[in-house]
Amino acid sequence: MCIRDSFTLTDPTSPGPVFTVELILKDNALTFDPPLETVMGSMLGVFDDTFFWGSQLLRIDKEVFPIMELSEEPLPAANPTEPEIRELRAVLAEKLQGAMEGPMRLHQQYLC
């Protein structure tokens, strides 16, 4: 028996799908490709990487306004350990977990 099906999560505010996973019968077991854990990890990784890249912004104000006395301090960046940021990450993780209900329903269809 060959099973190959897919689930796509869309968002009306997004120009494309949020994610797509395929359900495949492999070695007599139903598996997702990519695995759901990978999808969640990737999306949370993008959230986490935002803070690293945000802290890497270069100041160009001295070049734009050379006659002004400006600070040498780096631009302030959000800190991922701040309670508000940790709370937002937890909310995102919860929403992603809820989004996994669709693929799991698809999985259940083939188990019956």
N, C-alpha and C. Protein backbone atom coordinates (compact mmCIF):
# COMPACT_ATOMS: atom_id res chain seq x y z
N MET A 1 0.84 -1.17 0.00
CA MET A 1 0.00 0.00 0.00
C MET A 1 0.89 1.24 0.00
N CYS A 2 0.53 2.21 -0.80
CA CYS A 2 1.30 3.45 -0.88
C CYS A 2 0.41 4.61 -0.41
N ILE A 3 0.89 5.34 0.55
CA ILE A 3 0.16 6.51 1.04
C ILE A 3 1.07 7.72 0.87
N ARG A 4 0.53 8.73 0.26
CA ARG A 4 1.24 10.00 0.14
C ARG A 4 0.18 11.09 0.11
N ASP A 5 0.17 11.91 1.13
CA ASP A 5 -0.81 12.99 1.24
C ASP A 5 -0.09 14.18 1.86
N SER A 6 -0.72 15.32 1.84
CA SER A 6 -0.05 16.49 2.41
C SER A 6 -1.04 17.38 3.14
N PHE A 7 -0.49 18.20 4.02
CA PHE A 7 -1.26 19.19 4.76
C PHE A 7 -0.54 20.53 4.60
N THR A 8 -1.28 21.57 4.26
CA THR A 8 -0.71 22.91 4.12
C THR A 8 -1.45 23.86 5.04
N LEU A 9 -0.68 24.56 5.87
CA LEU A 9 -1.27 25.60 6.73
C LEU A 9 -1.10 26.93 6.02
N THR A 10 -2.20 27.62 5.84
CA THR A 10 -2.15 28.94 5.19
C THR A 10 -2.64 30.00 6.17
N ASP A 11 -2.30 31.23 5.85
CA ASP A 11 -2.71 32.38 6.63
C ASP A 11 -3.12 33.44 5.62
N PRO A 12 -4.33 33.99 5.74
CA PRO A 12 -4.78 34.97 4.74
C PRO A 12 -3.89 36.21 4.66
N THR A 13 -3.11 36.48 5.71
CA THR A 13 -2.24 37.66 5.68
C THR A 13 -0.86 37.34 5.12
N SER A 14 -0.61 36.08 4.80
CA SER A 14 0.69 35.65 4.30
C SER A 14 0.63 35.46 2.79
N PRO A 15 1.69 35.84 2.07
CA PRO A 15 1.67 35.69 0.60
C PRO A 15 1.75 34.23 0.16
N GLY A 16 2.15 33.34 1.03
CA GLY A 16 2.25 31.93 0.67
C GLY A 16 1.91 31.07 1.87
N PRO A 17 2.05 29.76 1.71
CA PRO A 17 1.74 28.88 2.85
C PRO A 17 2.69 29.11 4.01
N VAL A 18 2.18 28.91 5.23
CA VAL A 18 3.02 29.01 6.42
C VAL A 18 3.95 27.80 6.45
N PHE A 19 3.38 26.62 6.22
CA PHE A 19 4.20 25.41 6.07
C PHE A 19 3.37 24.34 5.38
N THR A 20 4.07 23.38 4.80
CA THR A 20 3.45 22.21 4.18
C THR A 20 4.23 20.99 4.65
N VAL A 21 3.52 19.96 5.04
CA VAL A 21 4.15 18.69 5.39
C VAL A 21 3.47 17.60 4.57
N GLU A 22 4.26 16.61 4.20
CA GLU A 22 3.72 15.45 3.51
C GLU A 22 3.63 14.29 4.48
N LEU A 23 2.57 13.51 4.35
CA LEU A 23 2.40 12.30 5.13
C LEU A 23 2.74 11.15 4.19
N ILE A 24 3.72 10.33 4.59
CA ILE A 24 4.22 9.28 3.72
C ILE A 24 4.26 7.96 4.50
N LEU A 25 3.85 6.88 3.83
CA LEU A 25 4.01 5.55 4.41
C LEU A 25 5.43 5.10 4.09
N LYS A 26 6.23 4.95 5.13
CA LYS A 26 7.64 4.61 4.95
C LYS A 26 7.98 3.50 5.94
N ASP A 27 8.46 2.37 5.44
CA ASP A 27 8.80 1.22 6.29
C ASP A 27 7.62 0.82 7.18
N ASN A 28 6.43 0.76 6.57
CA ASN A 28 5.19 0.39 7.27
C ASN A 28 4.82 1.33 8.40
N ALA A 29 5.32 2.56 8.36
CA ALA A 29 4.96 3.55 9.37
C ALA A 29 4.62 4.86 8.67
N LEU A 30 3.59 5.53 9.18
CA LEU A 30 3.24 6.84 8.65
C LEU A 30 4.18 7.87 9.25
N THR A 31 4.84 8.63 8.38
CA THR A 31 5.76 9.67 8.86
C THR A 31 5.49 10.97 8.11
N PHE A 32 5.87 12.06 8.75
CA PHE A 32 5.75 13.36 8.12
C PHE A 32 7.10 13.77 7.54
N ASP A 33 7.04 14.42 6.40
CA ASP A 33 8.25 14.94 5.77
C ASP A 33 7.99 16.40 5.42
N PRO A 34 8.68 17.34 6.04
CA PRO A 34 9.63 17.15 7.14
C PRO A 34 8.89 16.78 8.42
N PRO A 35 9.63 16.21 9.38
CA PRO A 35 8.99 15.87 10.66
C PRO A 35 8.39 17.12 11.33
N LEU A 36 7.29 16.93 12.03
CA LEU A 36 6.62 18.07 12.68
C LEU A 36 7.54 18.78 13.66
N GLU A 37 8.41 18.03 14.33
CA GLU A 37 9.36 18.64 15.26
C GLU A 37 10.31 19.59 14.53
N THR A 38 10.69 19.21 13.31
CA THR A 38 11.58 20.06 12.51
C THR A 38 10.87 21.34 12.10
N VAL A 39 9.60 21.22 11.72
CA VAL A 39 8.82 22.40 11.34
C VAL A 39 8.74 23.37 12.51
N MET A 40 8.38 22.85 13.68
CA MET A 40 8.26 23.72 14.86
C MET A 40 9.61 24.32 15.23
N GLY A 41 10.66 23.50 15.21
CA GLY A 41 12.00 23.98 15.55
C GLY A 41 12.47 25.06 14.60
N SER A 42 12.17 24.90 13.32
CA SER A 42 12.58 25.90 12.33
C SER A 42 11.88 27.22 12.55
N MET A 43 10.59 27.15 12.82
CA MET A 43 9.83 28.39 13.00
C MET A 43 10.24 29.10 14.29
N LEU A 44 10.45 28.36 15.35
CA LEU A 44 10.92 28.99 16.59
C LEU A 44 12.35 29.49 16.42
N GLY A 45 13.14 28.80 15.60
CA GLY A 45 14.51 29.24 15.32
C GLY A 45 14.53 30.58 14.60
N VAL A 46 13.61 30.79 13.68
CA VAL A 46 13.53 32.08 13.00
C VAL A 46 13.21 33.18 14.01
N PHE A 47 12.28 32.90 14.92
CA PHE A 47 11.95 33.86 15.97
C PHE A 47 13.19 34.18 16.79
N ASP A 48 13.91 33.15 17.22
CA ASP A 48 15.11 33.35 18.03
C ASP A 48 16.20 34.09 17.27
N ASP A 49 16.40 33.75 16.00
CA ASP A 49 17.44 34.40 15.19
C ASP A 49 17.18 35.88 14.98
N THR A 50 15.93 36.28 15.05
CA THR A 50 15.58 37.69 14.87
C THR A 50 16.34 38.56 15.86
N PHE A 51 16.50 38.08 17.07
CA PHE A 51 17.17 38.88 18.10
C PHE A 51 18.67 38.95 17.88
N PHE A 52 19.24 37.87 17.37
CA PHE A 52 20.67 37.91 17.05
C PHE A 52 20.91 38.91 15.92
N TRP A 53 20.17 38.77 14.83
CA TRP A 53 20.40 39.65 13.68
C TRP A 53 20.02 41.09 14.01
N GLY A 54 19.03 41.29 14.86
CA GLY A 54 18.67 42.65 15.27
C GLY A 54 19.79 43.32 16.04
N SER A 55 20.58 42.55 16.75
CA SER A 55 21.70 43.12 17.51
C SER A 55 22.92 43.39 16.63
N GLN A 56 22.88 42.97 15.38
CA GLN A 56 24.02 43.14 14.48
C GLN A 56 23.89 44.38 13.58
N LEU A 57 22.85 45.17 13.80
CA LEU A 57 22.65 46.35 12.96
C LEU A 57 23.79 47.35 13.18
N LEU A 58 24.28 47.89 12.09
CA LEU A 58 25.37 48.86 12.16
C LEU A 58 24.81 50.27 12.24
N ARG A 59 25.50 51.10 12.97
CA ARG A 59 25.12 52.52 13.04
C ARG A 59 25.70 53.23 11.83
N ILE A 60 24.86 53.97 11.14
CA ILE A 60 25.35 54.75 10.01
C ILE A 60 25.14 56.25 10.25
N ASP A 61 24.64 56.59 11.44
CA ASP A 61 24.30 57.98 11.69
C ASP A 61 25.52 58.90 11.60
N LYS A 62 26.71 58.43 12.00
CA LYS A 62 27.91 59.27 11.91
C LYS A 62 28.26 59.57 10.45
N GLU A 63 27.97 58.63 9.58
CA GLU A 63 28.23 58.85 8.16
C GLU A 63 27.18 59.75 7.54
N VAL A 64 25.96 59.64 8.02
CA VAL A 64 24.87 60.45 7.48
C VAL A 64 24.91 61.87 8.04
N PHE A 65 25.26 62.01 9.32
CA PHE A 65 25.33 63.32 9.97
C PHE A 65 26.74 63.54 10.54
N PRO A 66 27.75 63.72 9.71
CA PRO A 66 29.13 63.77 10.19
C PRO A 66 29.44 64.94 11.14
N ILE A 67 28.68 66.02 11.10
CA ILE A 67 29.02 67.15 11.96
C ILE A 67 28.36 67.07 13.34
N MET A 68 27.50 66.10 13.52
CA MET A 68 26.82 65.96 14.82
C MET A 68 27.64 65.08 15.75
N GLU A 69 27.56 65.38 17.03
CA GLU A 69 28.18 64.51 18.03
C GLU A 69 27.19 63.41 18.37
N LEU A 70 27.59 62.21 18.03
CA LEU A 70 26.70 61.07 18.23
C LEU A 70 27.38 60.01 19.08
N SER A 71 26.59 59.22 19.72
CA SER A 71 27.09 58.17 20.61
C SER A 71 27.77 57.06 19.82
N GLU A 72 28.76 56.47 20.44
CA GLU A 72 29.44 55.31 19.86
C GLU A 72 28.76 54.01 20.28
N GLU A 73 27.79 54.11 21.17
CA GLU A 73 27.14 52.91 21.66
C GLU A 73 26.39 52.20 20.54
N PRO A 74 26.35 50.86 20.61
CA PRO A 74 25.59 50.13 19.59
C PRO A 74 24.10 50.42 19.72
N LEU A 75 23.38 50.19 18.66
CA LEU A 75 21.94 50.37 18.70
C LEU A 75 21.34 49.39 19.71
N PRO A 76 20.39 49.85 20.49
CA PRO A 76 19.78 48.93 21.45
C PRO A 76 18.96 47.86 20.72
N ALA A 77 19.05 46.66 21.20
CA ALA A 77 18.31 45.55 20.60
C ALA A 77 17.47 44.88 21.68
N ALA A 78 16.41 44.24 21.25
CA ALA A 78 15.57 43.49 22.19
C ALA A 78 16.37 42.29 22.70
N ASN A 79 16.17 41.99 23.94
CA ASN A 79 16.87 40.87 24.58
C ASN A 79 15.91 39.69 24.69
N PRO A 80 16.28 38.53 24.13
CA PRO A 80 15.35 37.39 24.17
C PRO A 80 15.07 36.86 25.57
N THR A 81 15.81 37.32 26.57
CA THR A 81 15.54 36.86 27.94
C THR A 81 14.54 37.77 28.67
N GLU A 82 14.15 38.87 28.02
CA GLU A 82 13.15 39.76 28.63
C GLU A 82 11.83 39.00 28.77
N PRO A 83 11.13 39.21 29.88
CA PRO A 83 9.87 38.47 30.10
C PRO A 83 8.87 38.60 28.96
N GLU A 84 8.76 39.79 28.37
CA GLU A 84 7.79 39.99 27.29
C GLU A 84 8.16 39.15 26.07
N ILE A 85 9.46 39.07 25.79
CA ILE A 85 9.92 38.30 24.63
C ILE A 85 9.73 36.80 24.89
N ARG A 86 10.05 36.37 26.09
CA ARG A 86 9.84 34.96 26.44
C ARG A 86 8.36 34.59 26.36
N GLU A 87 7.51 35.53 26.78
CA GLU A 87 6.07 35.29 26.71
C GLU A 87 5.61 35.19 25.26
N LEU A 88 6.12 36.08 24.40
CA LEU A 88 5.77 36.01 22.98
C LEU A 88 6.22 34.70 22.35
N ARG A 89 7.41 34.22 22.73
CA ARG A 89 7.91 32.96 22.19
C ARG A 89 7.01 31.81 22.65
N ALA A 90 6.56 31.85 23.91
CA ALA A 90 5.67 30.82 24.42
C ALA A 90 4.33 30.84 23.69
N VAL A 91 3.83 32.02 23.38
CA VAL A 91 2.58 32.15 22.63
C VAL A 91 2.76 31.57 21.22
N LEU A 92 3.90 31.89 20.58
CA LEU A 92 4.17 31.35 19.26
C LEU A 92 4.25 29.82 19.31
N ALA A 93 4.94 29.28 20.29
CA ALA A 93 5.05 27.82 20.43
C ALA A 93 3.67 27.18 20.61
N GLU A 94 2.82 27.84 21.39
CA GLU A 94 1.47 27.33 21.62
C GLU A 94 0.66 27.35 20.32
N LYS A 95 0.78 28.44 19.56
CA LYS A 95 0.06 28.53 18.29
C LYS A 95 0.57 27.49 17.29
N LEU A 96 1.87 27.27 17.27
CA LEU A 96 2.43 26.25 16.39
C LEU A 96 1.94 24.86 16.80
N GLN A 97 1.89 24.62 18.10
CA GLN A 97 1.38 23.33 18.58
C GLN A 97 -0.07 23.15 18.13
N GLY A 98 -0.87 24.22 18.22
CA GLY A 98 -2.25 24.16 17.75
C GLY A 98 -2.33 23.92 16.25
N ALA A 99 -1.39 24.49 15.50
CA ALA A 99 -1.37 24.31 14.05
C ALA A 99 -1.04 22.87 13.67
N MET A 100 -0.41 22.13 14.57
CA MET A 100 -0.06 20.74 14.29
C MET A 100 -1.28 19.82 14.39
N GLU A 101 -2.40 20.34 14.87
CA GLU A 101 -3.62 19.53 14.95
C GLU A 101 -4.08 19.11 13.56
N GLY A 102 -3.91 19.98 12.56
CA GLY A 102 -4.30 19.64 11.19
C GLY A 102 -3.54 18.44 10.66
N PRO A 103 -2.20 18.46 10.71
CA PRO A 103 -1.47 17.28 10.26
C PRO A 103 -1.80 16.03 11.07
N MET A 104 -2.03 16.19 12.36
CA MET A 104 -2.34 15.03 13.19
C MET A 104 -3.71 14.44 12.83
N ARG A 105 -4.67 15.29 12.46
CA ARG A 105 -5.97 14.78 11.99
C ARG A 105 -5.79 13.99 10.70
N LEU A 106 -4.94 14.51 9.80
CA LEU A 106 -4.65 13.79 8.56
C LEU A 106 -4.04 12.43 8.88
N HIS A 107 -3.12 12.40 9.81
CA HIS A 107 -2.47 11.16 10.24
C HIS A 107 -3.52 10.17 10.77
N GLN A 108 -4.44 10.66 11.59
CA GLN A 108 -5.48 9.82 12.17
C GLN A 108 -6.39 9.21 11.10
N GLN A 109 -6.65 9.97 10.02
CA GLN A 109 -7.51 9.45 8.94
C GLN A 109 -6.96 8.15 8.38
N TYR A 110 -5.65 8.04 8.29
CA TYR A 110 -5.04 6.87 7.68
C TYR A 110 -4.86 5.73 8.68
N LEU A 111 -4.99 6.00 9.95
CA LEU A 111 -4.84 4.95 10.94
C LEU A 111 -6.12 4.15 11.12
N CYS A 112 -7.26 4.73 10.75
CA CYS A 112 -8.55 4.04 10.92
C CYS A 112 -8.78 3.03 9.82
